Amino acid sequence: MKTRFHVKLLSTALLSLWLTGGCAGQSAKSETAASKASPEATAAIANASDAIAIANSNDWIWRDTESFLDKAKEAAAAGENAKAISLANTAQFQAEAAVEQYNYEKTHQRGLRR
């Protein structure tokens, strides 16, 4: 059991380092992409990212939620703001529903009753 904890801790640390390194290299690319995206699309993507971060913190996220966010970012970069907003809203809804599902599962015992 302790080994599993250490593996999770190590993978979390490596993922954090990878994300910060990746974000540092994205600054020039994000400036050109942000110029095509509307403020509404940027806000929708930011809200979806926050909701996904909360769902990921519970380690309880639906399968396609993050792919919707990736597609929303691509659409915003291409200047398709309506599509980006729609995809970001879908990602946000799924992330929030996953958090609700997580909370429900934690509070409702579904085992066999004695």
N, C-alpha and C. Protein backbone atom coordinates (compact mmCIF):
# COMPACT_ATOMS: atom_id res chain seq x y z
N MET A 1 0.82 -1.18 0.00
CA MET A 1 0.00 0.00 0.00
C MET A 1 0.87 1.25 0.00
N LYS A 2 1.98 1.22 0.73
CA LYS A 2 2.85 2.39 0.74
C LYS A 2 3.50 2.59 -0.62
N THR A 3 3.78 1.51 -1.31
CA THR A 3 4.38 1.63 -2.64
C THR A 3 3.43 2.34 -3.58
N ARG A 4 2.16 2.01 -3.50
CA ARG A 4 1.16 2.65 -4.36
C ARG A 4 1.10 4.16 -4.09
N PHE A 5 1.18 4.54 -2.82
CA PHE A 5 1.17 5.95 -2.46
C PHE A 5 2.38 6.66 -3.05
N HIS A 6 3.54 6.03 -2.96
CA HIS A 6 4.75 6.64 -3.48
C HIS A 6 4.71 6.77 -4.99
N VAL A 7 4.12 5.79 -5.66
CA VAL A 7 4.00 5.86 -7.11
C VAL A 7 3.07 7.01 -7.50
N LYS A 8 1.96 7.17 -6.79
CA LYS A 8 1.05 8.28 -7.06
C LYS A 8 1.72 9.62 -6.81
N LEU A 9 2.48 9.70 -5.73
CA LEU A 9 3.17 10.94 -5.40
C LEU A 9 4.21 11.29 -6.46
N LEU A 10 4.96 10.30 -6.89
CA LEU A 10 5.97 10.52 -7.92
C LEU A 10 5.33 10.91 -9.24
N SER A 11 4.26 10.22 -9.62
CA SER A 11 3.62 10.56 -10.89
C SER A 11 3.00 11.95 -10.84
N THR A 12 2.48 12.37 -9.70
CA THR A 12 1.93 13.71 -9.57
C THR A 12 3.03 14.76 -9.70
N ALA A 13 4.17 14.50 -9.10
CA ALA A 13 5.28 15.44 -9.19
C ALA A 13 5.79 15.55 -10.63
N LEU A 14 5.92 14.41 -11.29
CA LEU A 14 6.38 14.43 -12.69
C LEU A 14 5.38 15.12 -13.60
N LEU A 15 4.11 14.88 -13.39
CA LEU A 15 3.08 15.54 -14.19
C LEU A 15 3.11 17.05 -13.97
N SER A 16 3.31 17.48 -12.75
CA SER A 16 3.39 18.92 -12.47
C SER A 16 4.58 19.55 -13.17
N LEU A 17 5.71 18.89 -13.13
CA LEU A 17 6.89 19.41 -13.82
C LEU A 17 6.68 19.45 -15.32
N TRP A 18 6.06 18.43 -15.86
CA TRP A 18 5.80 18.37 -17.30
C TRP A 18 4.85 19.50 -17.71
N LEU A 19 3.80 19.73 -16.92
CA LEU A 19 2.85 20.78 -17.25
C LEU A 19 3.48 22.16 -17.18
N THR A 20 4.28 22.42 -16.16
CA THR A 20 4.91 23.75 -16.07
C THR A 20 5.92 23.95 -17.18
N GLY A 21 6.63 22.92 -17.56
CA GLY A 21 7.57 23.03 -18.68
C GLY A 21 6.84 23.23 -20.00
N GLY A 22 5.73 22.55 -20.18
CA GLY A 22 4.95 22.69 -21.40
C GLY A 22 4.29 24.04 -21.50
N CYS A 23 3.82 24.56 -20.39
CA CYS A 23 3.17 25.87 -20.40
C CYS A 23 4.17 26.98 -20.69
N ALA A 24 5.41 26.80 -20.27
CA ALA A 24 6.42 27.83 -20.53
C ALA A 24 6.72 27.95 -22.01
N GLY A 25 6.68 26.85 -22.73
CA GLY A 25 6.95 26.87 -24.16
C GLY A 25 5.75 27.30 -24.99
N GLN A 26 4.59 27.37 -24.41
CA GLN A 26 3.38 27.69 -25.13
C GLN A 26 3.09 29.18 -25.19
N SER A 27 3.86 30.03 -24.56
CA SER A 27 3.51 31.44 -24.46
C SER A 27 3.45 32.13 -25.82
N ALA A 28 4.38 31.87 -26.70
CA ALA A 28 4.35 32.51 -28.02
C ALA A 28 3.21 31.98 -28.86
N LYS A 29 2.94 30.70 -28.73
CA LYS A 29 1.87 30.10 -29.51
C LYS A 29 0.50 30.59 -29.02
N SER A 30 0.34 30.76 -27.72
CA SER A 30 -0.95 31.16 -27.18
C SER A 30 -1.28 32.61 -27.52
N GLU A 31 -0.29 33.46 -27.72
CA GLU A 31 -0.55 34.85 -28.07
C GLU A 31 -1.21 34.95 -29.44
N THR A 32 -0.77 34.15 -30.40
CA THR A 32 -1.38 34.21 -31.72
C THR A 32 -2.75 33.55 -31.71
N ALA A 33 -2.92 32.50 -30.92
CA ALA A 33 -4.22 31.83 -30.85
C ALA A 33 -5.23 32.71 -30.14
N ALA A 34 -4.80 33.42 -29.14
CA ALA A 34 -5.72 34.26 -28.38
C ALA A 34 -6.23 35.43 -29.20
N SER A 35 -5.49 35.85 -30.21
CA SER A 35 -5.93 36.98 -31.01
C SER A 35 -7.14 36.63 -31.86
N LYS A 36 -7.31 35.35 -32.23
CA LYS A 36 -8.47 34.94 -33.02
C LYS A 36 -9.67 34.59 -32.16
N ALA A 37 -9.45 34.24 -30.91
CA ALA A 37 -10.53 33.83 -30.02
C ALA A 37 -11.21 35.05 -29.42
N SER A 38 -12.54 34.97 -29.34
CA SER A 38 -13.28 36.06 -28.71
C SER A 38 -13.14 35.99 -27.20
N PRO A 39 -13.42 37.09 -26.50
CA PRO A 39 -13.34 37.05 -25.03
C PRO A 39 -14.32 36.03 -24.43
N GLU A 40 -15.47 35.85 -25.08
CA GLU A 40 -16.45 34.88 -24.58
C GLU A 40 -15.90 33.46 -24.70
N ALA A 41 -15.25 33.16 -25.81
CA ALA A 41 -14.67 31.83 -26.01
C ALA A 41 -13.54 31.59 -25.02
N THR A 42 -12.72 32.61 -24.81
CA THR A 42 -11.62 32.48 -23.85
C THR A 42 -12.15 32.25 -22.44
N ALA A 43 -13.21 32.97 -22.07
CA ALA A 43 -13.80 32.80 -20.75
C ALA A 43 -14.43 31.41 -20.60
N ALA A 44 -15.10 30.94 -21.64
CA ALA A 44 -15.72 29.61 -21.59
C ALA A 44 -14.66 28.52 -21.44
N ILE A 45 -13.55 28.67 -22.14
CA ILE A 45 -12.46 27.70 -22.05
C ILE A 45 -11.83 27.74 -20.67
N ALA A 46 -11.67 28.93 -20.11
CA ALA A 46 -11.10 29.05 -18.77
C ALA A 46 -12.02 28.42 -17.72
N ASN A 47 -13.33 28.64 -17.86
CA ASN A 47 -14.29 28.04 -16.92
C ASN A 47 -14.27 26.52 -17.01
N ALA A 48 -14.19 26.01 -18.23
CA ALA A 48 -14.14 24.56 -18.41
C ALA A 48 -12.85 23.99 -17.84
N SER A 49 -11.75 24.69 -18.01
CA SER A 49 -10.47 24.24 -17.46
C SER A 49 -10.52 24.17 -15.93
N ASP A 50 -11.15 25.16 -15.32
CA ASP A 50 -11.28 25.17 -13.86
C ASP A 50 -12.14 24.00 -13.38
N ALA A 51 -13.25 23.75 -14.07
CA ALA A 51 -14.13 22.64 -13.69
C ALA A 51 -13.43 21.29 -13.86
N ILE A 52 -12.64 21.17 -14.92
CA ILE A 52 -11.89 19.93 -15.16
C ILE A 52 -10.83 19.74 -14.08
N ALA A 53 -10.21 20.82 -13.66
CA ALA A 53 -9.20 20.71 -12.60
C ALA A 53 -9.82 20.21 -11.30
N ILE A 54 -11.02 20.65 -11.00
CA ILE A 54 -11.71 20.19 -9.80
C ILE A 54 -12.05 18.70 -9.93
N ALA A 55 -12.55 18.30 -11.09
CA ALA A 55 -12.88 16.88 -11.30
C ALA A 55 -11.62 16.02 -11.23
N ASN A 56 -10.53 16.51 -11.79
CA ASN A 56 -9.26 15.77 -11.73
C ASN A 56 -8.72 15.67 -10.31
N SER A 57 -8.99 16.68 -9.49
CA SER A 57 -8.50 16.64 -8.11
C SER A 57 -9.19 15.52 -7.33
N ASN A 58 -10.40 15.18 -7.72
CA ASN A 58 -11.12 14.06 -7.11
C ASN A 58 -10.73 12.73 -7.74
N ASP A 59 -9.96 12.80 -8.83
CA ASP A 59 -9.62 11.62 -9.61
C ASP A 59 -10.88 10.94 -10.12
N TRP A 60 -11.83 11.77 -10.56
CA TRP A 60 -13.13 11.28 -11.00
C TRP A 60 -13.59 12.16 -12.16
N ILE A 61 -13.18 11.81 -13.35
CA ILE A 61 -13.55 12.60 -14.52
C ILE A 61 -14.04 11.67 -15.61
N TRP A 62 -14.94 12.13 -16.41
CA TRP A 62 -15.49 11.30 -17.47
C TRP A 62 -14.49 11.18 -18.61
N ARG A 63 -14.67 10.17 -19.42
CA ARG A 63 -13.70 9.79 -20.44
C ARG A 63 -13.43 10.88 -21.47
N ASP A 64 -14.45 11.51 -22.00
CA ASP A 64 -14.28 12.43 -23.13
C ASP A 64 -14.22 13.90 -22.74
N THR A 65 -14.30 14.21 -21.48
CA THR A 65 -14.39 15.60 -21.04
C THR A 65 -13.19 16.42 -21.49
N GLU A 66 -12.00 15.89 -21.29
CA GLU A 66 -10.80 16.64 -21.66
C GLU A 66 -10.64 16.76 -23.17
N SER A 67 -11.16 15.80 -23.92
CA SER A 67 -11.07 15.92 -25.38
C SER A 67 -11.99 17.03 -25.89
N PHE A 68 -13.12 17.26 -25.22
CA PHE A 68 -13.98 18.38 -25.60
C PHE A 68 -13.25 19.71 -25.38
N LEU A 69 -12.52 19.79 -24.28
CA LEU A 69 -11.76 21.02 -24.01
C LEU A 69 -10.66 21.22 -25.06
N ASP A 70 -9.98 20.15 -25.43
CA ASP A 70 -8.94 20.26 -26.46
C ASP A 70 -9.52 20.72 -27.80
N LYS A 71 -10.68 20.17 -28.14
CA LYS A 71 -11.34 20.58 -29.39
C LYS A 71 -11.80 22.04 -29.32
N ALA A 72 -12.23 22.46 -28.14
CA ALA A 72 -12.64 23.87 -27.97
C ALA A 72 -11.45 24.80 -28.16
N LYS A 73 -10.30 24.41 -27.64
CA LYS A 73 -9.09 25.23 -27.81
C LYS A 73 -8.69 25.30 -29.28
N GLU A 74 -8.80 24.18 -29.98
CA GLU A 74 -8.47 24.17 -31.41
C GLU A 74 -9.43 25.07 -32.19
N ALA A 75 -10.72 24.99 -31.86
CA ALA A 75 -11.71 25.82 -32.55
C ALA A 75 -11.48 27.30 -32.27
N ALA A 76 -11.12 27.63 -31.05
CA ALA A 76 -10.84 29.03 -30.71
C ALA A 76 -9.61 29.52 -31.45
N ALA A 77 -8.62 28.68 -31.58
CA ALA A 77 -7.41 29.07 -32.30
C ALA A 77 -7.70 29.28 -33.79
N ALA A 78 -8.67 28.55 -34.30
CA ALA A 78 -9.05 28.69 -35.71
C ALA A 78 -10.03 29.84 -35.94
N GLY A 79 -10.47 30.46 -34.85
CA GLY A 79 -11.40 31.58 -34.98
C GLY A 79 -12.86 31.17 -35.02
N GLU A 80 -13.15 29.89 -34.75
CA GLU A 80 -14.53 29.39 -34.72
C GLU A 80 -15.07 29.55 -33.29
N ASN A 81 -15.45 30.76 -32.96
CA ASN A 81 -15.79 31.08 -31.58
C ASN A 81 -17.06 30.40 -31.10
N ALA A 82 -18.09 30.31 -31.93
CA ALA A 82 -19.34 29.68 -31.50
C ALA A 82 -19.12 28.20 -31.21
N LYS A 83 -18.35 27.54 -32.06
CA LYS A 83 -18.03 26.13 -31.85
C LYS A 83 -17.18 25.96 -30.59
N ALA A 84 -16.24 26.85 -30.38
CA ALA A 84 -15.38 26.78 -29.19
C ALA A 84 -16.19 26.95 -27.92
N ILE A 85 -17.12 27.88 -27.92
CA ILE A 85 -17.96 28.11 -26.74
C ILE A 85 -18.82 26.89 -26.47
N SER A 86 -19.41 26.33 -27.51
CA SER A 86 -20.26 25.15 -27.35
C SER A 86 -19.47 23.96 -26.79
N LEU A 87 -18.29 23.71 -27.34
CA LEU A 87 -17.47 22.60 -26.86
C LEU A 87 -16.98 22.84 -25.43
N ALA A 88 -16.61 24.06 -25.12
CA ALA A 88 -16.15 24.38 -23.77
C ALA A 88 -17.29 24.23 -22.76
N ASN A 89 -18.49 24.65 -23.15
CA ASN A 89 -19.64 24.48 -22.26
C ASN A 89 -19.95 23.01 -22.03
N THR A 90 -19.80 22.19 -23.07
CA THR A 90 -20.00 20.75 -22.91
C THR A 90 -18.97 20.16 -21.96
N ALA A 91 -17.72 20.57 -22.10
CA ALA A 91 -16.66 20.08 -21.22
C ALA A 91 -16.93 20.52 -19.78
N GLN A 92 -17.36 21.75 -19.59
CA GLN A 92 -17.64 22.25 -18.25
C GLN A 92 -18.81 21.49 -17.63
N PHE A 93 -19.86 21.26 -18.42
CA PHE A 93 -21.02 20.51 -17.91
C PHE A 93 -20.60 19.11 -17.47
N GLN A 94 -19.81 18.44 -18.31
CA GLN A 94 -19.40 17.08 -17.97
C GLN A 94 -18.52 17.05 -16.73
N ALA A 95 -17.64 18.01 -16.59
CA ALA A 95 -16.77 18.05 -15.42
C ALA A 95 -17.59 18.30 -14.16
N GLU A 96 -18.54 19.22 -14.22
CA GLU A 96 -19.37 19.51 -13.06
C GLU A 96 -20.26 18.32 -12.72
N ALA A 97 -20.77 17.63 -13.74
CA ALA A 97 -21.58 16.44 -13.50
C ALA A 97 -20.75 15.32 -12.89
N ALA A 98 -19.50 15.22 -13.29
CA ALA A 98 -18.61 14.21 -12.71
C ALA A 98 -18.36 14.49 -11.24
N VAL A 99 -18.22 15.76 -10.87
CA VAL A 99 -18.04 16.11 -9.46
C VAL A 99 -19.30 15.79 -8.67
N GLU A 100 -20.47 16.08 -9.24
CA GLU A 100 -21.73 15.73 -8.57
C GLU A 100 -21.84 14.22 -8.39
N GLN A 101 -21.47 13.48 -9.42
CA GLN A 101 -21.51 12.03 -9.34
C GLN A 101 -20.55 11.52 -8.27
N TYR A 102 -19.37 12.10 -8.21
CA TYR A 102 -18.39 11.72 -7.19
C TYR A 102 -18.96 11.94 -5.79
N ASN A 103 -19.55 13.11 -5.58
CA ASN A 103 -20.11 13.41 -4.26
C ASN A 103 -21.27 12.48 -3.92
N TYR A 104 -22.09 12.15 -4.91
CA TYR A 104 -23.20 11.22 -4.69
C TYR A 104 -22.68 9.84 -4.31
N GLU A 105 -21.68 9.38 -5.03
CA GLU A 105 -21.13 8.05 -4.76
C GLU A 105 -20.47 7.99 -3.38
N LYS A 106 -19.89 9.09 -2.93
CA LYS A 106 -19.27 9.11 -1.62
C LYS A 106 -20.30 9.09 -0.48
N THR A 107 -21.48 9.65 -0.72
CA THR A 107 -22.46 9.76 0.35
C THR A 107 -23.50 8.65 0.35
N HIS A 108 -23.64 7.90 -0.74
CA HIS A 108 -24.64 6.84 -0.83
C HIS A 108 -23.95 5.49 -0.93
N GLN A 109 -24.10 4.71 0.13
CA GLN A 109 -23.51 3.39 0.14
C GLN A 109 -24.32 2.49 -0.79
N ARG A 110 -23.64 1.81 -1.71
CA ARG A 110 -24.35 0.96 -2.65
C ARG A 110 -24.00 -0.51 -2.47
N GLY A 111 -23.48 -0.85 -1.34
CA GLY A 111 -23.15 -2.24 -1.07
C GLY A 111 -24.39 -3.02 -0.65
N LEU A 112 -24.19 -4.29 -0.39
CA LEU A 112 -25.29 -5.12 0.05
C LEU A 112 -25.66 -4.75 1.48
N ARG A 113 -26.95 -4.70 1.74
CA ARG A 113 -27.41 -4.37 3.08
C ARG A 113 -27.52 -5.65 3.91
N ARG A 114 -27.25 -5.51 5.17
CA ARG A 114 -27.31 -6.67 6.07
C ARG A 114 -28.53 -6.62 6.91
